[in-house]
Amino acid sequence: MKIEETEYVYKELADSYDHQVREYSSYAHDVIFGMSFEHVKKSEKLLDIGIGTGLASIKFAKLGLEVFGLDFSQEMLDECRSKSFARELQIFDLTASPLPYAADYFNHVICCSVLHFIGNLENLFKEAARVMKPGGIFSFTIAPHNKKAPFLKEDTAWGVPIFRHSPDYIMELLNQNGFELQKEQRLLMKGADRINFDMLFSAYVSKLIRQ
């Protein structure tokens, strides 16, 4: 899916996005922080891919990490900037490659509530590994499925299609790029599409072990 297919949605939602997240009981950002907490340290650099309004990385900033963020929506970045916690924010097509940073620049990378808008994740996982230092963590969420296909496109009641990814595909990408799975947690988002009411997600924490 092209990023512009979702851009209009986030342009309209930017100033109310945090409220929408609470309304849907969508706290994947808190889960990502809780699962990652033991692996991070003050003053380390963290990249948030698809930072949005900053819900997933603001707690890392409060812990003392330097947060850098990428997002395709200027409106979401403006909302994030108003919170004054990120060191650097850049507008960026999240499906593009390479990421606009040098190799081994970050200690950690997170990507929360984003990957279900992207089908093929090969470049993103490869780039996450490239910009990270060994020993760091890559934490992210997906919408899983139990079919054989690596990913499946699914229409939603709110007008923006999503992609579900198979756990086998995710493990293959992690292994190919030198990551070792540390934790996985299944999540139910209340009212995520207003029809099915409960939408399944998975949160992953992986460690980069390449030398």
N, C-alpha and C. Protein backbone atom coordinates (compact mmCIF):
# COMPACT_ATOMS: atom_id res chain seq x y z
N MET A 1 0.83 -1.20 0.00
CA MET A 1 0.00 0.00 0.00
C MET A 1 0.87 1.25 0.00
N LYS A 2 0.45 2.26 -0.77
CA LYS A 2 1.18 3.50 -0.80
C LYS A 2 0.85 4.32 0.45
N ILE A 3 1.87 5.01 0.96
CA ILE A 3 1.68 5.80 2.17
C ILE A 3 0.60 6.85 1.96
N GLU A 4 0.47 7.43 0.75
CA GLU A 4 -0.51 8.47 0.53
C GLU A 4 -1.94 7.98 0.74
N GLU A 5 -2.16 6.67 0.70
CA GLU A 5 -3.50 6.14 0.94
C GLU A 5 -3.95 6.37 2.38
N THR A 6 -3.02 6.49 3.29
CA THR A 6 -3.38 6.75 4.69
C THR A 6 -3.14 8.19 5.10
N GLU A 7 -2.47 8.95 4.24
CA GLU A 7 -2.05 10.30 4.63
C GLU A 7 -3.24 11.20 4.96
N TYR A 8 -4.32 11.10 4.18
CA TYR A 8 -5.48 11.96 4.43
C TYR A 8 -6.12 11.67 5.77
N VAL A 9 -6.08 10.40 6.19
CA VAL A 9 -6.66 10.03 7.48
C VAL A 9 -5.91 10.70 8.62
N TYR A 10 -4.59 10.62 8.59
CA TYR A 10 -3.80 11.17 9.68
C TYR A 10 -3.73 12.69 9.64
N LYS A 11 -3.90 13.27 8.47
CA LYS A 11 -3.99 14.72 8.38
C LYS A 11 -5.21 15.22 9.14
N GLU A 12 -6.32 14.49 9.00
CA GLU A 12 -7.56 14.87 9.68
C GLU A 12 -7.52 14.54 11.17
N LEU A 13 -6.79 13.49 11.55
CA LEU A 13 -6.83 13.00 12.93
C LEU A 13 -5.71 13.55 13.82
N ALA A 14 -4.76 14.26 13.24
CA ALA A 14 -3.54 14.61 13.98
C ALA A 14 -3.83 15.27 15.33
N ASP A 15 -4.73 16.24 15.35
CA ASP A 15 -4.96 16.97 16.60
C ASP A 15 -5.86 16.23 17.58
N SER A 16 -6.47 15.11 17.14
CA SER A 16 -7.32 14.34 18.05
C SER A 16 -6.85 12.89 18.18
N TYR A 17 -5.68 12.59 17.64
CA TYR A 17 -5.21 11.21 17.59
C TYR A 17 -5.06 10.61 18.99
N ASP A 18 -4.46 11.33 19.90
CA ASP A 18 -4.27 10.80 21.26
C ASP A 18 -5.60 10.46 21.90
N HIS A 19 -6.61 11.29 21.68
CA HIS A 19 -7.94 11.02 22.21
C HIS A 19 -8.53 9.77 21.57
N GLN A 20 -8.35 9.60 20.25
CA GLN A 20 -8.86 8.42 19.56
C GLN A 20 -8.23 7.14 20.11
N VAL A 21 -6.94 7.20 20.39
CA VAL A 21 -6.24 6.03 20.93
C VAL A 21 -6.86 5.62 22.26
N ARG A 22 -7.12 6.60 23.12
CA ARG A 22 -7.76 6.28 24.41
C ARG A 22 -9.16 5.72 24.21
N GLU A 23 -9.89 6.28 23.27
CA GLU A 23 -11.26 5.84 23.01
C GLU A 23 -11.31 4.38 22.59
N TYR A 24 -10.31 3.95 21.80
CA TYR A 24 -10.27 2.58 21.33
C TYR A 24 -9.48 1.65 22.26
N SER A 25 -9.08 2.16 23.42
CA SER A 25 -8.27 1.36 24.35
C SER A 25 -7.07 0.75 23.62
N SER A 26 -6.42 1.56 22.81
CA SER A 26 -5.30 1.10 21.99
C SER A 26 -3.99 1.53 22.63
N TYR A 27 -3.48 0.70 23.53
CA TYR A 27 -2.31 1.07 24.31
C TYR A 27 -1.08 0.26 23.94
N ALA A 28 -0.94 -0.03 22.66
CA ALA A 28 0.25 -0.75 22.20
C ALA A 28 1.52 0.02 22.54
N HIS A 29 1.44 1.34 22.55
CA HIS A 29 2.63 2.16 22.87
C HIS A 29 3.10 1.91 24.30
N ASP A 30 2.17 1.73 25.22
CA ASP A 30 2.55 1.43 26.60
C ASP A 30 3.15 0.03 26.71
N VAL A 31 2.59 -0.91 25.94
CA VAL A 31 3.10 -2.28 25.94
C VAL A 31 4.53 -2.32 25.40
N ILE A 32 4.76 -1.61 24.31
CA ILE A 32 6.11 -1.55 23.72
C ILE A 32 7.11 -1.00 24.73
N PHE A 33 6.75 0.05 25.43
CA PHE A 33 7.66 0.62 26.43
C PHE A 33 7.91 -0.36 27.56
N GLY A 34 6.84 -0.97 28.06
CA GLY A 34 7.00 -1.90 29.18
C GLY A 34 7.84 -3.10 28.83
N MET A 35 7.67 -3.62 27.61
CA MET A 35 8.43 -4.79 27.18
C MET A 35 9.89 -4.45 26.89
N SER A 36 10.16 -3.18 26.56
CA SER A 36 11.51 -2.76 26.15
C SER A 36 12.32 -2.16 27.28
N PHE A 37 11.65 -1.78 28.34
CA PHE A 37 12.25 -0.98 29.42
C PHE A 37 13.59 -1.53 29.92
N GLU A 38 13.68 -2.83 30.14
CA GLU A 38 14.88 -3.41 30.74
C GLU A 38 16.09 -3.38 29.81
N HIS A 39 15.86 -3.11 28.53
CA HIS A 39 16.95 -3.16 27.55
C HIS A 39 17.55 -1.80 27.22
N VAL A 40 16.97 -0.71 27.73
CA VAL A 40 17.42 0.63 27.34
C VAL A 40 18.03 1.37 28.51
N LYS A 41 18.86 2.38 28.17
CA LYS A 41 19.55 3.16 29.19
C LYS A 41 19.49 4.65 28.86
N LYS A 42 19.62 5.45 29.87
CA LYS A 42 19.65 6.89 29.72
C LYS A 42 20.75 7.31 28.76
N SER A 43 20.47 8.33 27.95
CA SER A 43 21.40 8.94 26.99
C SER A 43 21.60 8.13 25.70
N GLU A 44 20.98 6.95 25.60
CA GLU A 44 21.06 6.21 24.35
C GLU A 44 20.15 6.85 23.30
N LYS A 45 20.47 6.59 22.04
CA LYS A 45 19.69 7.15 20.92
C LYS A 45 18.65 6.13 20.45
N LEU A 46 17.42 6.61 20.28
CA LEU A 46 16.32 5.76 19.85
C LEU A 46 15.63 6.39 18.64
N LEU A 47 15.41 5.58 17.60
CA LEU A 47 14.67 6.01 16.42
C LEU A 47 13.26 5.44 16.48
N ASP A 48 12.27 6.31 16.34
CA ASP A 48 10.88 5.90 16.28
C ASP A 48 10.41 6.04 14.83
N ILE A 49 10.23 4.91 14.15
CA ILE A 49 9.79 4.89 12.76
C ILE A 49 8.27 4.96 12.74
N GLY A 50 7.74 6.04 12.21
CA GLY A 50 6.30 6.27 12.28
C GLY A 50 5.92 6.84 13.63
N ILE A 51 6.61 7.87 14.04
CA ILE A 51 6.47 8.41 15.40
C ILE A 51 5.10 8.99 15.67
N GLY A 52 4.41 9.46 14.64
CA GLY A 52 3.08 10.03 14.84
C GLY A 52 3.12 11.18 15.83
N THR A 53 2.25 11.12 16.83
CA THR A 53 2.22 12.17 17.85
C THR A 53 3.18 11.89 19.01
N GLY A 54 3.92 10.80 18.90
CA GLY A 54 4.95 10.52 19.90
C GLY A 54 4.53 9.61 21.04
N LEU A 55 3.36 8.98 20.95
CA LEU A 55 2.87 8.16 22.05
C LEU A 55 3.82 7.02 22.41
N ALA A 56 4.47 6.43 21.42
CA ALA A 56 5.32 5.27 21.69
C ALA A 56 6.68 5.63 22.24
N SER A 57 7.16 6.83 21.97
CA SER A 57 8.54 7.16 22.36
C SER A 57 8.66 8.22 23.45
N ILE A 58 7.57 8.87 23.83
CA ILE A 58 7.68 9.93 24.83
C ILE A 58 8.14 9.39 26.18
N LYS A 59 7.74 8.17 26.51
CA LYS A 59 8.17 7.59 27.78
C LYS A 59 9.67 7.27 27.76
N PHE A 60 10.19 6.88 26.59
CA PHE A 60 11.63 6.66 26.46
C PHE A 60 12.38 7.98 26.67
N ALA A 61 11.82 9.06 26.15
CA ALA A 61 12.43 10.38 26.34
C ALA A 61 12.44 10.77 27.81
N LYS A 62 11.35 10.49 28.51
CA LYS A 62 11.27 10.80 29.94
C LYS A 62 12.26 9.97 30.74
N LEU A 63 12.61 8.80 30.20
CA LEU A 63 13.61 7.95 30.85
C LEU A 63 15.03 8.47 30.62
N GLY A 64 15.18 9.39 29.66
CA GLY A 64 16.49 9.99 29.41
C GLY A 64 17.11 9.63 28.08
N LEU A 65 16.37 8.93 27.21
CA LEU A 65 16.90 8.60 25.89
C LEU A 65 16.70 9.78 24.94
N GLU A 66 17.58 9.88 23.94
CA GLU A 66 17.44 10.87 22.88
C GLU A 66 16.57 10.27 21.79
N VAL A 67 15.44 10.90 21.51
CA VAL A 67 14.48 10.35 20.56
C VAL A 67 14.55 11.09 19.23
N PHE A 68 14.63 10.30 18.16
CA PHE A 68 14.56 10.80 16.80
C PHE A 68 13.32 10.17 16.16
N GLY A 69 12.60 10.93 15.34
CA GLY A 69 11.37 10.39 14.78
C GLY A 69 11.21 10.64 13.30
N LEU A 70 10.64 9.65 12.61
CA LEU A 70 10.29 9.77 11.20
C LEU A 70 8.79 9.53 11.05
N ASP A 71 8.15 10.29 10.16
CA ASP A 71 6.75 10.06 9.87
C ASP A 71 6.42 10.67 8.51
N PHE A 72 5.40 10.11 7.84
CA PHE A 72 5.01 10.61 6.53
C PHE A 72 4.05 11.79 6.63
N SER A 73 3.50 12.06 7.82
CA SER A 73 2.49 13.10 7.99
C SER A 73 3.08 14.32 8.69
N GLN A 74 3.07 15.45 8.00
CA GLN A 74 3.56 16.68 8.61
C GLN A 74 2.69 17.09 9.78
N GLU A 75 1.38 16.86 9.65
CA GLU A 75 0.46 17.23 10.72
C GLU A 75 0.74 16.44 12.00
N MET A 76 1.03 15.14 11.86
CA MET A 76 1.35 14.33 13.03
C MET A 76 2.68 14.78 13.64
N LEU A 77 3.64 15.10 12.80
CA LEU A 77 4.93 15.58 13.30
C LEU A 77 4.77 16.91 14.03
N ASP A 78 3.90 17.78 13.53
CA ASP A 78 3.66 19.06 14.20
C ASP A 78 3.07 18.83 15.59
N GLU A 79 2.16 17.88 15.69
CA GLU A 79 1.56 17.56 16.99
C GLU A 79 2.61 16.99 17.93
N CYS A 80 3.47 16.12 17.39
CA CYS A 80 4.55 15.55 18.19
C CYS A 80 5.52 16.64 18.65
N ARG A 81 5.85 17.54 17.74
CA ARG A 81 6.80 18.62 18.07
C ARG A 81 6.27 19.51 19.19
N SER A 82 4.96 19.66 19.27
CA SER A 82 4.36 20.51 20.30
C SER A 82 4.59 19.95 21.70
N LYS A 83 4.94 18.66 21.79
CA LYS A 83 5.19 18.04 23.09
C LYS A 83 6.63 18.23 23.57
N SER A 84 7.49 18.69 22.68
CA SER A 84 8.86 19.12 23.03
C SER A 84 9.69 18.04 23.73
N PHE A 85 9.68 16.84 23.20
CA PHE A 85 10.52 15.81 23.81
C PHE A 85 11.50 15.18 22.84
N ALA A 86 11.28 15.32 21.52
CA ALA A 86 12.14 14.67 20.53
C ALA A 86 13.31 15.57 20.15
N ARG A 87 14.48 14.96 19.97
CA ARG A 87 15.65 15.72 19.55
C ARG A 87 15.53 16.12 18.09
N GLU A 88 14.98 15.23 17.25
CA GLU A 88 14.88 15.51 15.82
C GLU A 88 13.68 14.80 15.23
N LEU A 89 12.93 15.51 14.38
CA LEU A 89 11.79 14.94 13.68
C LEU A 89 11.94 15.23 12.19
N GLN A 90 11.69 14.21 11.37
CA GLN A 90 11.80 14.37 9.92
C GLN A 90 10.58 13.78 9.24
N ILE A 91 10.10 14.47 8.20
CA ILE A 91 9.07 13.88 7.37
C ILE A 91 9.74 12.91 6.41
N PHE A 92 9.15 11.71 6.27
CA PHE A 92 9.81 10.66 5.50
C PHE A 92 8.77 9.62 5.08
N ASP A 93 8.87 9.16 3.83
CA ASP A 93 8.03 8.07 3.34
C ASP A 93 8.54 6.77 3.97
N LEU A 94 7.75 6.18 4.83
CA LEU A 94 8.21 5.02 5.60
C LEU A 94 8.43 3.78 4.75
N THR A 95 7.96 3.80 3.51
CA THR A 95 8.22 2.69 2.61
C THR A 95 9.48 2.89 1.78
N ALA A 96 10.12 4.06 1.93
CA ALA A 96 11.32 4.37 1.15
C ALA A 96 12.57 3.78 1.79
N SER A 97 13.62 3.67 1.00
CA SER A 97 14.89 3.14 1.47
C SER A 97 16.01 3.86 0.72
N PRO A 98 17.11 4.20 1.40
CA PRO A 98 17.43 3.90 2.80
C PRO A 98 16.83 4.92 3.77
N LEU A 99 16.84 4.56 5.04
CA LEU A 99 16.49 5.53 6.07
C LEU A 99 17.55 6.63 6.09
N PRO A 100 17.17 7.86 6.44
CA PRO A 100 18.09 9.00 6.33
C PRO A 100 19.08 9.12 7.49
N TYR A 101 19.71 7.99 7.85
CA TYR A 101 20.69 8.00 8.93
C TYR A 101 21.83 7.04 8.59
N ALA A 102 22.99 7.31 9.17
CA ALA A 102 24.17 6.49 8.93
C ALA A 102 24.06 5.15 9.65
N ALA A 103 24.86 4.20 9.22
CA ALA A 103 24.91 2.88 9.87
C ALA A 103 25.36 3.01 11.32
N ASP A 104 24.79 2.19 12.18
CA ASP A 104 25.16 2.12 13.60
C ASP A 104 24.94 3.44 14.34
N TYR A 105 23.99 4.23 13.89
CA TYR A 105 23.77 5.55 14.49
C TYR A 105 22.92 5.46 15.77
N PHE A 106 22.02 4.49 15.82
CA PHE A 106 21.10 4.39 16.96
C PHE A 106 21.39 3.16 17.82
N ASN A 107 21.04 3.30 19.09
CA ASN A 107 21.10 2.14 19.98
C ASN A 107 19.87 1.26 19.80
N HIS A 108 18.70 1.90 19.57
CA HIS A 108 17.45 1.16 19.51
C HIS A 108 16.53 1.75 18.45
N VAL A 109 15.61 0.91 17.97
CA VAL A 109 14.59 1.33 17.01
C VAL A 109 13.24 0.77 17.46
N ILE A 110 12.20 1.60 17.39
CA ILE A 110 10.85 1.13 17.65
C ILE A 110 9.95 1.50 16.48
N CYS A 111 8.88 0.74 16.31
CA CYS A 111 7.93 0.99 15.23
C CYS A 111 6.58 0.47 15.70
N CYS A 112 5.77 1.34 16.26
CA CYS A 112 4.53 0.93 16.93
C CYS A 112 3.31 1.37 16.14
N SER A 113 2.40 0.43 15.89
CA SER A 113 1.13 0.70 15.21
C SER A 113 1.34 1.30 13.82
N VAL A 114 2.32 0.77 13.11
CA VAL A 114 2.68 1.27 11.78
C VAL A 114 2.73 0.16 10.74
N LEU A 115 3.33 -0.98 11.09
CA LEU A 115 3.65 -2.00 10.09
C LEU A 115 2.42 -2.63 9.45
N HIS A 116 1.26 -2.52 10.08
CA HIS A 116 0.05 -3.07 9.45
C HIS A 116 -0.44 -2.19 8.30
N PHE A 117 0.24 -1.08 8.04
CA PHE A 117 -0.05 -0.26 6.86
C PHE A 117 0.93 -0.53 5.72
N ILE A 118 1.86 -1.45 5.91
CA ILE A 118 2.89 -1.75 4.92
C ILE A 118 2.88 -3.26 4.66
N GLY A 119 2.91 -3.65 3.40
CA GLY A 119 2.89 -5.07 3.06
C GLY A 119 4.25 -5.72 3.20
N ASN A 120 5.11 -5.51 2.24
CA ASN A 120 6.45 -6.08 2.24
C ASN A 120 7.34 -5.33 3.23
N LEU A 121 7.86 -6.04 4.22
CA LEU A 121 8.65 -5.40 5.29
C LEU A 121 10.14 -5.64 5.16
N GLU A 122 10.58 -6.23 4.05
CA GLU A 122 11.99 -6.62 3.93
C GLU A 122 12.92 -5.41 4.04
N ASN A 123 12.64 -4.34 3.31
CA ASN A 123 13.52 -3.17 3.35
C ASN A 123 13.52 -2.51 4.72
N LEU A 124 12.36 -2.44 5.35
CA LEU A 124 12.29 -1.77 6.64
C LEU A 124 13.10 -2.52 7.69
N PHE A 125 12.99 -3.84 7.73
CA PHE A 125 13.76 -4.62 8.70
C PHE A 125 15.26 -4.52 8.41
N LYS A 126 15.61 -4.56 7.13
CA LYS A 126 17.01 -4.43 6.74
C LYS A 126 17.59 -3.09 7.16
N GLU A 127 16.81 -2.03 6.96
CA GLU A 127 17.26 -0.69 7.31
C GLU A 127 17.31 -0.49 8.83
N ALA A 128 16.36 -1.07 9.54
CA ALA A 128 16.39 -0.99 11.00
C ALA A 128 17.69 -1.60 11.52
N ALA A 129 18.07 -2.75 10.97
CA ALA A 129 19.32 -3.39 11.39
C ALA A 129 20.53 -2.56 11.02
N ARG A 130 20.50 -1.92 9.87
CA ARG A 130 21.65 -1.13 9.40
C ARG A 130 21.93 0.06 10.31
N VAL A 131 20.88 0.77 10.73
CA VAL A 131 21.09 2.00 11.50
C VAL A 131 21.30 1.73 12.98
N MET A 132 21.20 0.46 13.41
CA MET A 132 21.34 0.12 14.82
C MET A 132 22.72 -0.40 15.18
N LYS A 133 23.10 -0.16 16.42
CA LYS A 133 24.31 -0.77 16.96
C LYS A 133 23.99 -2.19 17.46
N PRO A 134 24.93 -3.13 17.34
CA PRO A 134 24.70 -4.48 17.90
C PRO A 134 24.39 -4.41 19.38
N GLY A 135 23.48 -5.25 19.82
CA GLY A 135 23.07 -5.27 21.22
C GLY A 135 21.83 -4.45 21.50
N GLY A 136 21.44 -3.61 20.53
CA GLY A 136 20.24 -2.81 20.70
C GLY A 136 18.98 -3.60 20.40
N ILE A 137 17.84 -3.01 20.71
CA ILE A 137 16.57 -3.70 20.48
C ILE A 137 15.76 -3.01 19.38
N PHE A 138 15.05 -3.84 18.64
CA PHE A 138 14.08 -3.40 17.65
C PHE A 138 12.72 -3.90 18.14
N SER A 139 11.87 -2.98 18.56
CA SER A 139 10.55 -3.31 19.11
C SER A 139 9.48 -2.79 18.16
N PHE A 140 8.45 -3.61 17.90
CA PHE A 140 7.47 -3.23 16.90
C PHE A 140 6.18 -4.02 17.10
N THR A 141 5.14 -3.59 16.41
CA THR A 141 3.87 -4.30 16.44
C THR A 141 3.47 -4.67 15.02
N ILE A 142 2.73 -5.78 14.91
CA ILE A 142 2.12 -6.19 13.65
C ILE A 142 0.69 -6.64 13.92
N ALA A 143 -0.09 -6.77 12.84
CA ALA A 143 -1.38 -7.45 12.91
C ALA A 143 -1.17 -8.84 12.31
N PRO A 144 -1.19 -9.89 13.10
CA PRO A 144 -0.84 -11.22 12.60
C PRO A 144 -1.99 -11.93 11.88
N HIS A 145 -1.65 -12.94 11.09
CA HIS A 145 -2.63 -13.86 10.53
C HIS A 145 -2.05 -15.27 10.60
N ASN A 146 -2.88 -16.27 10.36
CA ASN A 146 -2.44 -17.66 10.50
C ASN A 146 -2.43 -18.41 9.18
N LYS A 147 -2.33 -17.67 8.06
CA LYS A 147 -2.25 -18.29 6.74
C LYS A 147 -0.78 -18.50 6.36
N LYS A 148 -0.55 -19.11 5.18
CA LYS A 148 0.81 -19.37 4.72
C LYS A 148 1.45 -18.14 4.08
N ALA A 149 0.64 -17.26 3.51
CA ALA A 149 1.17 -16.08 2.81
C ALA A 149 1.94 -15.17 3.78
N PRO A 150 3.04 -14.56 3.33
CA PRO A 150 3.79 -13.65 4.21
C PRO A 150 2.93 -12.50 4.74
N PHE A 151 2.08 -11.96 3.86
CA PHE A 151 1.19 -10.88 4.30
C PHE A 151 -0.07 -10.88 3.44
N LEU A 152 -1.17 -10.43 4.02
CA LEU A 152 -2.47 -10.38 3.36
C LEU A 152 -3.08 -9.00 3.55
N LYS A 153 -3.63 -8.46 2.47
CA LYS A 153 -4.30 -7.17 2.54
C LYS A 153 -5.74 -7.36 2.98
N GLU A 154 -6.22 -6.46 3.84
CA GLU A 154 -7.57 -6.59 4.40
C GLU A 154 -8.24 -5.23 4.43
N ASP A 155 -9.46 -5.16 3.92
CA ASP A 155 -10.22 -3.91 3.99
C ASP A 155 -10.75 -3.70 5.40
N THR A 156 -10.95 -2.45 5.75
CA THR A 156 -11.47 -2.12 7.08
C THR A 156 -12.68 -1.21 6.94
N ALA A 157 -13.47 -1.14 8.00
CA ALA A 157 -14.67 -0.31 8.00
C ALA A 157 -14.35 1.18 8.01
N TRP A 158 -13.12 1.54 8.42
CA TRP A 158 -12.76 2.95 8.47
C TRP A 158 -12.05 3.43 7.21
N GLY A 159 -12.10 2.62 6.14
CA GLY A 159 -11.72 3.12 4.83
C GLY A 159 -10.28 2.98 4.43
N VAL A 160 -9.41 2.55 5.32
CA VAL A 160 -7.99 2.38 5.00
C VAL A 160 -7.63 0.91 5.12
N PRO A 161 -7.19 0.28 4.05
CA PRO A 161 -6.83 -1.14 4.14
C PRO A 161 -5.60 -1.35 5.01
N ILE A 162 -5.49 -2.53 5.60
CA ILE A 162 -4.32 -2.87 6.40
C ILE A 162 -3.72 -4.16 5.87
N PHE A 163 -2.54 -4.48 6.37
CA PHE A 163 -1.88 -5.73 6.04
C PHE A 163 -1.68 -6.54 7.31
N ARG A 164 -2.02 -7.81 7.23
CA ARG A 164 -1.71 -8.76 8.30
C ARG A 164 -0.50 -9.57 7.88
N HIS A 165 0.43 -9.79 8.81
CA HIS A 165 1.67 -10.52 8.52
C HIS A 165 1.71 -11.82 9.30
N SER A 166 2.28 -12.84 8.68
CA SER A 166 2.38 -14.13 9.37
C SER A 166 3.56 -14.11 10.34
N PRO A 167 3.42 -14.74 11.50
CA PRO A 167 4.54 -14.83 12.44
C PRO A 167 5.78 -15.49 11.83
N ASP A 168 5.58 -16.46 10.93
CA ASP A 168 6.72 -17.10 10.27
C ASP A 168 7.50 -16.10 9.42
N TYR A 169 6.79 -15.23 8.74
CA TYR A 169 7.42 -14.19 7.92
C TYR A 169 8.22 -13.24 8.81
N ILE A 170 7.64 -12.84 9.92
CA ILE A 170 8.34 -11.94 10.83
C ILE A 170 9.61 -12.60 11.37
N MET A 171 9.52 -13.86 11.77
CA MET A 171 10.70 -14.56 12.28
C MET A 171 11.77 -14.71 11.19
N GLU A 172 11.35 -14.93 9.97
CA GLU A 172 12.30 -15.04 8.86
C GLU A 172 13.05 -13.72 8.67
N LEU A 173 12.33 -12.61 8.73
CA LEU A 173 12.97 -11.30 8.57
C LEU A 173 13.92 -11.01 9.74
N LEU A 174 13.51 -11.35 10.94
CA LEU A 174 14.38 -11.14 12.09
C LEU A 174 15.67 -11.95 11.95
N ASN A 175 15.54 -13.20 11.59
CA ASN A 175 16.72 -14.06 11.44
C ASN A 175 17.64 -13.59 10.32
N GLN A 176 17.07 -13.19 9.20
CA GLN A 176 17.85 -12.73 8.05
C GLN A 176 18.67 -11.50 8.37
N ASN A 177 18.19 -10.68 9.28
CA ASN A 177 18.84 -9.40 9.56
C ASN A 177 19.59 -9.37 10.88
N GLY A 178 19.82 -10.53 11.47
CA GLY A 178 20.66 -10.61 12.65
C GLY A 178 19.98 -10.30 13.97
N PHE A 179 18.65 -10.39 14.00
CA PHE A 179 17.91 -10.14 15.23
C PHE A 179 17.57 -11.46 15.94
N GLU A 180 17.53 -11.40 17.23
CA GLU A 180 17.13 -12.54 18.06
C GLU A 180 15.90 -12.15 18.85
N LEU A 181 14.83 -12.91 18.71
CA LEU A 181 13.58 -12.59 19.41
C LEU A 181 13.77 -12.69 20.92
N GLN A 182 13.33 -11.66 21.63
CA GLN A 182 13.39 -11.64 23.09
C GLN A 182 12.01 -11.89 23.71
N LYS A 183 10.98 -11.24 23.15
CA LYS A 183 9.64 -11.34 23.72
C LYS A 183 8.60 -11.16 22.61
N GLU A 184 7.44 -11.77 22.80
CA GLU A 184 6.28 -11.53 21.94
C GLU A 184 5.04 -11.54 22.81
N GLN A 185 4.15 -10.60 22.56
CA GLN A 185 2.91 -10.49 23.34
C GLN A 185 1.75 -10.21 22.40
N ARG A 186 0.67 -10.98 22.52
CA ARG A 186 -0.54 -10.72 21.73
C ARG A 186 -1.40 -9.67 22.44
N LEU A 187 -2.03 -8.80 21.63
CA LEU A 187 -2.84 -7.70 22.15
C LEU A 187 -4.17 -7.65 21.44
N LEU A 188 -5.22 -7.30 22.15
CA LEU A 188 -6.52 -7.04 21.54
C LEU A 188 -6.83 -5.56 21.67
N MET A 189 -7.10 -4.91 20.54
CA MET A 189 -7.46 -3.51 20.54
C MET A 189 -8.98 -3.39 20.51
N LYS A 190 -9.55 -2.78 21.48
CA LYS A 190 -11.00 -2.64 21.59
C LYS A 190 -11.53 -1.69 20.51
N GLY A 191 -12.51 -2.17 19.74
CA GLY A 191 -13.16 -1.30 18.77
C GLY A 191 -12.26 -0.79 17.68
N ALA A 192 -11.24 -1.58 17.31
CA ALA A 192 -10.25 -1.08 16.37
C ALA A 192 -10.80 -0.77 15.00
N ASP A 193 -11.87 -1.46 14.57
CA ASP A 193 -12.43 -1.11 13.26
C ASP A 193 -13.94 -0.87 13.30
N ARG A 194 -14.51 -0.75 14.48
CA ARG A 194 -15.92 -0.38 14.68
C ARG A 194 -16.92 -1.45 14.24
N ILE A 195 -16.45 -2.51 13.61
CA ILE A 195 -17.35 -3.61 13.24
C ILE A 195 -16.97 -4.87 14.01
N ASN A 196 -15.70 -5.28 13.88
CA ASN A 196 -15.24 -6.47 14.59
C ASN A 196 -14.99 -6.19 16.07
N PHE A 197 -14.81 -4.92 16.41
CA PHE A 197 -14.66 -4.46 17.78
C PHE A 197 -13.34 -4.88 18.43
N ASP A 198 -12.87 -6.08 18.18
CA ASP A 198 -11.58 -6.48 18.72
C ASP A 198 -10.66 -6.85 17.57
N MET A 199 -9.48 -6.25 17.54
CA MET A 199 -8.52 -6.50 16.48
C MET A 199 -7.22 -6.98 17.11
N LEU A 200 -6.71 -8.11 16.62
CA LEU A 200 -5.54 -8.73 17.22
C LEU A 200 -4.25 -8.11 16.68
N PHE A 201 -3.36 -7.78 17.58
CA PHE A 201 -2.01 -7.34 17.24
C PHE A 201 -1.00 -8.17 18.02
N SER A 202 0.24 -8.14 17.58
CA SER A 202 1.35 -8.75 18.31
C SER A 202 2.44 -7.71 18.50
N ALA A 203 3.00 -7.67 19.70
CA ALA A 203 4.13 -6.81 19.99
C ALA A 203 5.39 -7.68 20.12
N TYR A 204 6.46 -7.25 19.49
CA TYR A 204 7.73 -7.99 19.48
C TYR A 204 8.85 -7.13 20.04
N VAL A 205 9.75 -7.75 20.76
CA VAL A 205 11.01 -7.13 21.14
C VAL A 205 12.12 -8.07 20.67
N SER A 206 13.02 -7.56 19.84
CA SER A 206 14.12 -8.37 19.31
C SER A 206 15.44 -7.65 19.56
N LYS A 207 16.51 -8.42 19.66
CA LYS A 207 17.83 -7.84 19.91
C LYS A 207 18.73 -8.06 18.71
N LEU A 208 19.48 -7.03 18.31
CA LEU A 208 20.40 -7.14 17.20
C LEU A 208 21.68 -7.81 17.70
N ILE A 209 21.98 -8.96 17.14
CA ILE A 209 23.13 -9.72 17.65
C ILE A 209 24.26 -9.83 16.62
N ARG A 210 24.10 -9.23 15.43
CA ARG A 210 25.18 -9.30 14.44
C ARG A 210 26.43 -8.62 15.00
N GLN A 211 27.57 -9.13 14.57
CA GLN A 211 28.86 -8.58 15.03
C GLN A 211 29.44 -7.64 13.97
